C-alpha atoms as a PDB file:
ATOM      1  CA  UNK A   1      -2.618   1.315  -1.286  1.00  0.00           C
ATOM      2  CA  UNK A   2      -4.627   4.327  -2.399  1.00  0.00           C
ATOM      3  CA  UNK A   3      -4.796   5.560  -5.955  1.00  0.00           C
ATOM      4  CA  UNK A   4      -3.978   9.244  -6.427  1.00  0.00           C
ATOM      5  CA  UNK A   5      -4.407  11.933  -9.054  1.00  0.00           C
ATOM      6  CA  UNK A   6      -7.031  10.152 -11.116  1.00  0.00           C
ATOM      7  CA  UNK A   7      -9.201  11.634 -13.836  1.00  0.00           C
ATOM      8  CA  UNK A   8     -12.592  10.612 -15.070  1.00  0.00           C
ATOM      9  CA  UNK A   9     -15.147  11.755 -17.609  1.00  0.00           C
ATOM     10  CA  UNK A  10     -18.532  11.059 -19.112  1.00  0.00           C
ATOM     11  CA  UNK A  11     -19.076   9.297 -22.456  1.00  0.00           C
ATOM     12  CA  UNK A  12     -19.202  12.507 -24.511  1.00  0.00           C
ATOM     13  CA  UNK A  13     -16.216  14.017 -22.667  1.00  0.00           C
ATOM     14  CA  UNK A  14     -18.169  17.125 -21.708  1.00  0.00           C
ATOM     15  CA  UNK A  15     -17.845  16.456 -17.966  1.00  0.00           C
ATOM     16  CA  UNK A  16     -14.393  15.856 -16.493  1.00  0.00           C
ATOM     17  CA  UNK A  17     -13.472  15.336 -12.836  1.00  0.00           C
ATOM     18  CA  UNK A  18     -10.359  14.764 -10.756  1.00  0.00           C
ATOM     19  CA  UNK A  19      -9.828  12.481  -7.768  1.00  0.00           C
ATOM     20  CA  UNK A  20      -6.839  13.296  -5.568  1.00  0.00           C
ATOM     21  CA  UNK A  21      -7.144  10.111  -3.458  1.00  0.00           C
ATOM     22  CA  UNK A  22      -9.460   7.142  -4.036  1.00  0.00           C
ATOM     23  CA  UNK A  23     -10.587   5.202  -0.969  1.00  0.00           C
ATOM     24  CA  UNK A  24      -9.512   1.539  -1.340  1.00  0.00           C
ATOM     25  CA  UNK A  25     -12.996   0.303  -0.339  1.00  0.00           C
ATOM     26  CA  UNK A  26     -15.009  -0.253  -3.540  1.00  0.00           C
ATOM     27  CA  UNK A  27     -18.179  -2.254  -4.129  1.00  0.00           C
ATOM     28  CA  UNK A  28     -20.533  -3.632  -6.763  1.00  0.00           C
ATOM     29  CA  UNK A  29     -24.130  -2.573  -6.014  1.00  0.00           C
ATOM     30  CA  UNK A  30     -26.916  -4.903  -7.160  1.00  0.00           C
ATOM     31  CA  UNK A  31     -29.940  -2.825  -6.063  1.00  0.00           C
ATOM     32  CA  UNK A  32     -32.642  -2.437  -8.680  1.00  0.00           C
ATOM     33  CA  UNK A  33     -32.101   1.328  -8.969  1.00  0.00           C
ATOM     34  CA  UNK A  34     -28.385   0.938  -9.725  1.00  0.00           C
ATOM     35  CA  UNK A  35     -29.161  -1.800 -12.224  1.00  0.00           C
ATOM     36  CA  UNK A  36     -31.723   0.375 -14.006  1.00  0.00           C
ATOM     37  CA  UNK A  37     -29.606   3.537 -13.897  1.00  0.00           C
ATOM     38  CA  UNK A  38     -26.536   1.786 -15.310  1.00  0.00           C
ATOM     39  CA  UNK A  39     -28.372  -0.640 -17.602  1.00  0.00           C
ATOM     40  CA  UNK A  40     -26.283  -3.505 -16.240  1.00  0.00           C
ATOM     41  CA  UNK A  41     -26.325  -6.350 -13.707  1.00  0.00           C
ATOM     42  CA  UNK A  42     -24.698  -4.061 -11.119  1.00  0.00           C
ATOM     43  CA  UNK A  43     -22.960  -0.718 -10.711  1.00  0.00           C
ATOM     44  CA  UNK A  44     -19.464  -0.382  -9.280  1.00  0.00           C
ATOM     45  CA  UNK A  45     -18.667   2.547  -7.009  1.00  0.00           C
ATOM     46  CA  UNK A  46     -15.655   3.910  -5.220  1.00  0.00           C
ATOM     47  CA  UNK A  47     -15.610   6.533  -2.477  1.00  0.00           C
ATOM     48  CA  UNK A  48     -13.682   9.771  -2.408  1.00  0.00           C
ATOM     49  CA  UNK A  49     -13.477  12.315   0.412  1.00  0.00           C
ATOM     50  CA  UNK A  50     -15.216  15.524  -0.696  1.00  0.00           C
ATOM     51  CA  UNK A  51     -11.981  17.504  -0.427  1.00  0.00           C
ATOM     52  CA  UNK A  52     -10.270  14.982  -2.739  1.00  0.00           C
ATOM     53  CA  UNK A  53     -12.860  15.352  -5.525  1.00  0.00           C
ATOM     54  CA  UNK A  54     -13.361  18.204  -7.990  1.00  0.00           C
ATOM     55  CA  UNK A  55     -15.202  18.839 -11.230  1.00  0.00           C
ATOM     56  CA  UNK A  56     -12.735  20.158 -13.822  1.00  0.00           C
ATOM     57  CA  UNK A  57     -15.171  20.957 -16.622  1.00  0.00           C
ATOM     58  CA  UNK A  58     -18.768  20.569 -17.669  1.00  0.00           C
ATOM     59  CA  UNK A  59     -20.569  21.401 -14.426  1.00  0.00           C
ATOM     60  CA  UNK A  60     -23.309  22.991 -16.572  1.00  0.00           C
ATOM     61  CA  UNK A  61     -23.960  19.526 -18.048  1.00  0.00           C
ATOM     62  CA  UNK A  62     -24.596  17.886 -14.675  1.00  0.00           C
ATOM     63  CA  UNK A  63     -28.133  16.782 -13.881  1.00  0.00           C
ATOM     64  CA  UNK A  64     -29.360  15.194 -10.655  1.00  0.00           C
ATOM     65  CA  UNK A  65     -32.064  12.590 -10.251  1.00  0.00           C
ATOM     66  CA  UNK A  66     -33.448  12.274  -6.723  1.00  0.00           C
ATOM     67  CA  UNK A  67     -35.249   8.948  -6.265  1.00  0.00           C
ATOM     68  CA  UNK A  68     -38.240   8.294  -4.008  1.00  0.00           C
ATOM     69  CA  UNK A  69     -35.851   6.950  -1.349  1.00  0.00           C
ATOM     70  CA  UNK A  70     -33.937  10.273  -1.423  1.00  0.00           C
ATOM     71  CA  UNK A  71     -30.780   8.866  -3.026  1.00  0.00           C
ATOM     72  CA  UNK A  72     -29.241  11.197  -5.611  1.00  0.00           C
ATOM     73  CA  UNK A  73     -27.666  10.146  -8.874  1.00  0.00           C
ATOM     74  CA  UNK A  74     -25.709  12.687 -10.893  1.00  0.00           C
ATOM     75  CA  UNK A  75     -25.293  12.209 -14.623  1.00  0.00           C
ATOM     76  CA  UNK A  76     -24.319  14.071 -17.776  1.00  0.00           C
ATOM     77  CA  UNK A  77     -27.476  15.479 -19.350  1.00  0.00           C
ATOM     78  CA  UNK A  78     -25.866  15.383 -22.813  1.00  0.00           C
ATOM     79  CA  UNK A  79     -24.788  11.714 -22.978  1.00  0.00           C
ATOM     80  CA  UNK A  80     -26.502  10.194 -19.914  1.00  0.00           C
ATOM     81  CA  UNK A  81     -23.354   8.830 -18.262  1.00  0.00           C
ATOM     82  CA  UNK A  82     -23.842   8.025 -14.574  1.00  0.00           C
ATOM     83  CA  UNK A  83     -21.155   9.856 -12.631  1.00  0.00           C
ATOM     84  CA  UNK A  84     -21.858  10.002  -8.892  1.00  0.00           C
ATOM     85  CA  UNK A  85     -24.206   8.609  -6.264  1.00  0.00           C
ATOM     86  CA  UNK A  86     -25.235  10.016  -2.883  1.00  0.00           C
ATOM     87  CA  UNK A  87     -27.202   7.968  -0.330  1.00  0.00           C
ATOM     88  CA  UNK A  88     -30.235   9.381   1.448  1.00  0.00           C
ATOM     89  CA  UNK A  89     -29.181  11.450   4.429  1.00  0.00           C
ATOM     90  CA  UNK A  90     -25.841  12.151   2.757  1.00  0.00           C
ATOM     91  CA  UNK A  91     -23.540  14.266   4.921  1.00  0.00           C
ATOM     92  CA  UNK A  92     -21.546  15.493   1.931  1.00  0.00           C
ATOM     93  CA  UNK A  93     -18.288  14.223   3.412  1.00  0.00           C
ATOM     94  CA  UNK A  94     -17.759  11.700   0.602  1.00  0.00           C
ATOM     95  CA  UNK A  95     -18.531  11.378  -3.087  1.00  0.00           C
ATOM     96  CA  UNK A  96     -19.321   7.971  -4.545  1.00  0.00           C
ATOM     97  CA  UNK A  97     -18.106   7.817  -8.138  1.00  0.00           C
ATOM     98  CA  UNK A  98     -19.062   5.321 -10.808  1.00  0.00           C
ATOM     99  CA  UNK A  99     -15.684   3.607 -11.236  1.00  0.00           C
ATOM    100  CA  UNK A 100     -16.284   2.861 -14.912  1.00  0.00           C
ATOM    101  CA  UNK A 101     -16.108   6.609 -15.639  1.00  0.00           C
ATOM    102  CA  UNK A 102     -12.461   6.772 -14.544  1.00  0.00           C
ATOM    103  CA  UNK A 103     -10.073   7.338 -17.429  1.00  0.00           C
ATOM    104  CA  UNK A 104      -7.077   6.478 -15.237  1.00  0.00           C
ATOM    105  CA  UNK A 105      -6.094   2.945 -14.281  1.00  0.00           C
ATOM    106  CA  UNK A 106      -6.502   2.017 -10.617  1.00  0.00           C
ATOM    107  CA  UNK A 107      -4.551  -0.478  -8.541  1.00  0.00           C
ATOM    108  CA  UNK A 108      -7.349  -1.574  -6.209  1.00  0.00           C
ATOM    109  CA  UNK A 109     -10.282  -3.858  -6.852  1.00  0.00           C
ATOM    110  CA  UNK A 110     -13.813  -3.941  -5.449  1.00  0.00           C
ATOM    111  CA  UNK A 111     -14.006  -6.073  -2.321  1.00  0.00           C
ATOM    112  CA  UNK A 112     -17.754  -6.509  -1.930  1.00  0.00           C
ATOM    113  CA  UNK A 113     -21.111  -7.041  -3.585  1.00  0.00           C
ATOM    114  CA  UNK A 114     -23.845  -5.079  -1.817  1.00  0.00           C
ATOM    115  CA  UNK A 115     -27.658  -5.295  -1.959  1.00  0.00           C
ATOM    116  CA  UNK A 116     -27.361  -8.828  -3.346  1.00  0.00           C
ATOM    117  CA  UNK A 117     -30.894  -9.671  -2.204  1.00  0.00           C
ATOM    118  CA  UNK A 118     -31.997  -7.528  -5.173  1.00  0.00           C
ATOM    119  CA  UNK A 119     -29.552  -8.895  -7.755  1.00  0.00           C
ATOM    120  CA  UNK A 120     -30.725  -9.791 -11.246  1.00  0.00           C
ATOM    121  CA  UNK A 121     -31.838 -13.421 -11.367  1.00  0.00           C
ATOM    122  CA  UNK A 122     -29.968 -13.881 -14.646  1.00  0.00           C
ATOM    123  CA  UNK A 123     -26.615 -12.896 -13.135  1.00  0.00           C
ATOM    124  CA  UNK A 124     -24.439 -15.226 -11.078  1.00  0.00           C
ATOM    125  CA  UNK A 125     -21.841 -13.685  -8.787  1.00  0.00           C
ATOM    126  CA  UNK A 126     -18.742 -15.778  -9.382  1.00  0.00           C
ATOM    127  CA  UNK A 127     -15.865 -13.900  -7.760  1.00  0.00           C
ATOM    128  CA  UNK A 128     -14.572 -14.196  -4.205  1.00  0.00           C
ATOM    129  CA  UNK A 129     -15.698 -10.749  -2.997  1.00  0.00           C
ATOM    130  CA  UNK A 130     -17.808 -10.617   0.174  1.00  0.00           C
ATOM    131  CA  UNK A 131     -21.543 -10.609  -0.530  1.00  0.00           C
ATOM    132  CA  UNK A 132     -23.903  -8.549   1.623  1.00  0.00           C
ATOM    133  CA  UNK A 133     -27.701  -8.766   1.536  1.00  0.00           C
ATOM    134  CA  UNK A 134     -27.867  -4.963   1.853  1.00  0.00           C
ATOM    135  CA  UNK A 135     -25.027  -2.577   2.804  1.00  0.00           C
ATOM    136  CA  UNK A 136     -21.632  -3.622   4.169  1.00  0.00           C
ATOM    137  CA  UNK A 137     -23.053  -3.596   7.698  1.00  0.00           C
ATOM    138  CA  UNK A 138     -25.795  -6.125   6.877  1.00  0.00           C
ATOM    139  CA  UNK A 139     -25.975  -9.915   6.841  1.00  0.00           C
ATOM    140  CA  UNK A 140     -23.438 -11.692   4.662  1.00  0.00           C
ATOM    141  CA  UNK A 141     -24.803 -13.913   1.894  1.00  0.00           C
ATOM    142  CA  UNK A 142     -23.680 -17.491   2.071  1.00  0.00           C
ATOM    143  CA  UNK A 143     -24.150 -18.357  -1.614  1.00  0.00           C
END
């Protein structure tokens, strides 16, 4: 089941976006960059086709950070909220949104933990989601 007609925003409410259809495949990312950018043990992302995503207000508040590995993180420059992520070599066909910025409830749940080889040593993954050493196409963790 796909969620439709969702809205999201940053902490200060200056940036607002709309998602027409949310892809049911969602994941918790444990890479060190996501952990640092979100200030948490992991970041949770969902994918949206580019044509199903639109900024409704606050585009002038958007700031991009391009990391050394050419991944791009978009955030609100007023409040610092992490909003979207784009992998290196991004084709622009999808937008990865930080699920915690959604203001609407969603029916689906993340189904995977990715980049678990970089997870914080003080965090224990205790749910039944699949665990991948790197991306979803990598080796599955057995712990």
